[in-house]
Amino acid sequence: MTDRAKMNENSLGSTPQVLSSWTRVLLDALTARGHDGAAIAARAGFSDSDFADPNARFSLERTSKFWRLAVEETGDDAIGIWVSKYVQPTTFHALGLAVAASRNWYEALSRMERYSEVVSDSEKVVINIQDDHWEWVLSPVAPKYRATPESLDAIMSHMIRASRATIEKFNAPLLAEFARPKPKNHSAFSDFYGCPIKYGADMNRIFLPLELMREPLSTTNISLAEHGDHIVQAYLKQVGTDPLDKKLRQAIVISLPSGDINIQLIAQDAGMSVRSLQRHFSDMGGTFSGFVSDIRSALARNYLKQNELPITEIAFLLGYSDTASFSRAFKSWSGQTPTQYQRKT
C-alpha cells in the first residue's frame, strides 16, 4: 500500500477502523488451511509490510473486502467459525491479558464491553442481564458501516471458544441469534454452537446461563490484578491534590491496560470538551501525550521496584502490545532498559 493511500485511509475520521492483528488472524487462517493468504490479501489492497505493525489500524472497507474474497476463495460461508481457531494470546494486545486474568466470566466479558473499540469501532459489545439469562451482544455503531457477516461470525465464535477453554461448566449457550441470512453451511454453525440458532436477527446476540455469570476462569490471576491495583492506588495517593489532575490521572490509569488512551474518552470522563482539556494542558505548559507518558513512566518505575511482576506483564499493564515497545519507551525516559533499572533498585 502506498504512503499516500495510507494517509488517505488514516484521514477517514468517520470510517470505522479495524486492528491489524485481528485482520492478521484471517491471513494466518487462510495460509494454515492451504490457501495463498498473502495473494488474497493483496487483492484486497494489503501488502506484507501492512501487517508488520500489530498496532496499525485498517479501514473497515478494506478488511471487509479481504473477508469477501476469502469467502469466495474457500467457498465456505461459515469461514468465520474456523478462522477464530487461529486467534493468538497477543491478538487483542493488553485487552487479551486483562480478559484472561479476570476473576469470572462476567468480569471478562464486561472488559470486552468497555474496550471492544480496541479491536474495531464498527461494532460494540453490550451486555444485557435479564431475569433468567444474560446476553452478550455485538451491536452495530452505524448501520451503514456493518462488518461482513463472516467477520462477525469470527468474533462471536471466538468468544465461545475462549469461554469453553476457561470455564469448566460451560459447554453451549442457550440460544444464538445472527444478523445474517441462514448460511449454506448451516451445519457448521449447528455443530459448533450446539444450541438453537436464529438467523436474520437485528444484531448478533448470544444468550448465556445466568447461573454461570460469576463462574471463575481457569486463567484467573487475582494476584496480578490485586498487585496492579495496589501500585495504581499508591501512585494516585502520591500525586498532587488538584481535583482535576487526580480525575484525569485516574481515568488514564484505568484505561492503560486497554492500550487505547483516547483523549475524547478521557475528556468525557473529566466532564470536559477535548478543546478545554487541550487548553488545560497548554496552560500547564504540557500536552496530553506528555501527561500520559509521565504517568506510564512513574507507574513503570513503581512496578519495576516491586520486582514481583515479569516485565512482559508490566508492559501489558501499561498498555504496550509487546515488551520491545515498552523497553524502547522506558529507555527514552530513564536511559536504561527495564532490566537494567530493575537490577539497580
Foldseek 3Di string as FASTA:
>chain_A
DDPVVVVVFVPPVVFKKFFLLLLVLLLVLCVVVPHNSQVLLVVLPDHPVVSVDRRDIGTLSSSLSSVVSSCVVVVFLLVLLSSLVSDDCLSQFLLSVVLLQDFADQRSLVSCQVQVCSGMPQWGWDWADDDFWIKTWTHGPDPVRDHDQSNVSNVVNNSVVQCVQWFVPDDAFAEWEACAPCTPVNVVVCVSRVYHYHYNDPGTMTIHGPVRNSGGTNSHDVVLVVVLVVLLVVVLVPDDDPPLLSQLLVVLLVCQLSLDDDLCVSCVSSVHHSVVVQVVQVVVVHGPVVSLLVSLQVSLLSVLQVVPDDLQSSCNSRNHSGSVVVQVSNCVVPVHGSVVSSVVD
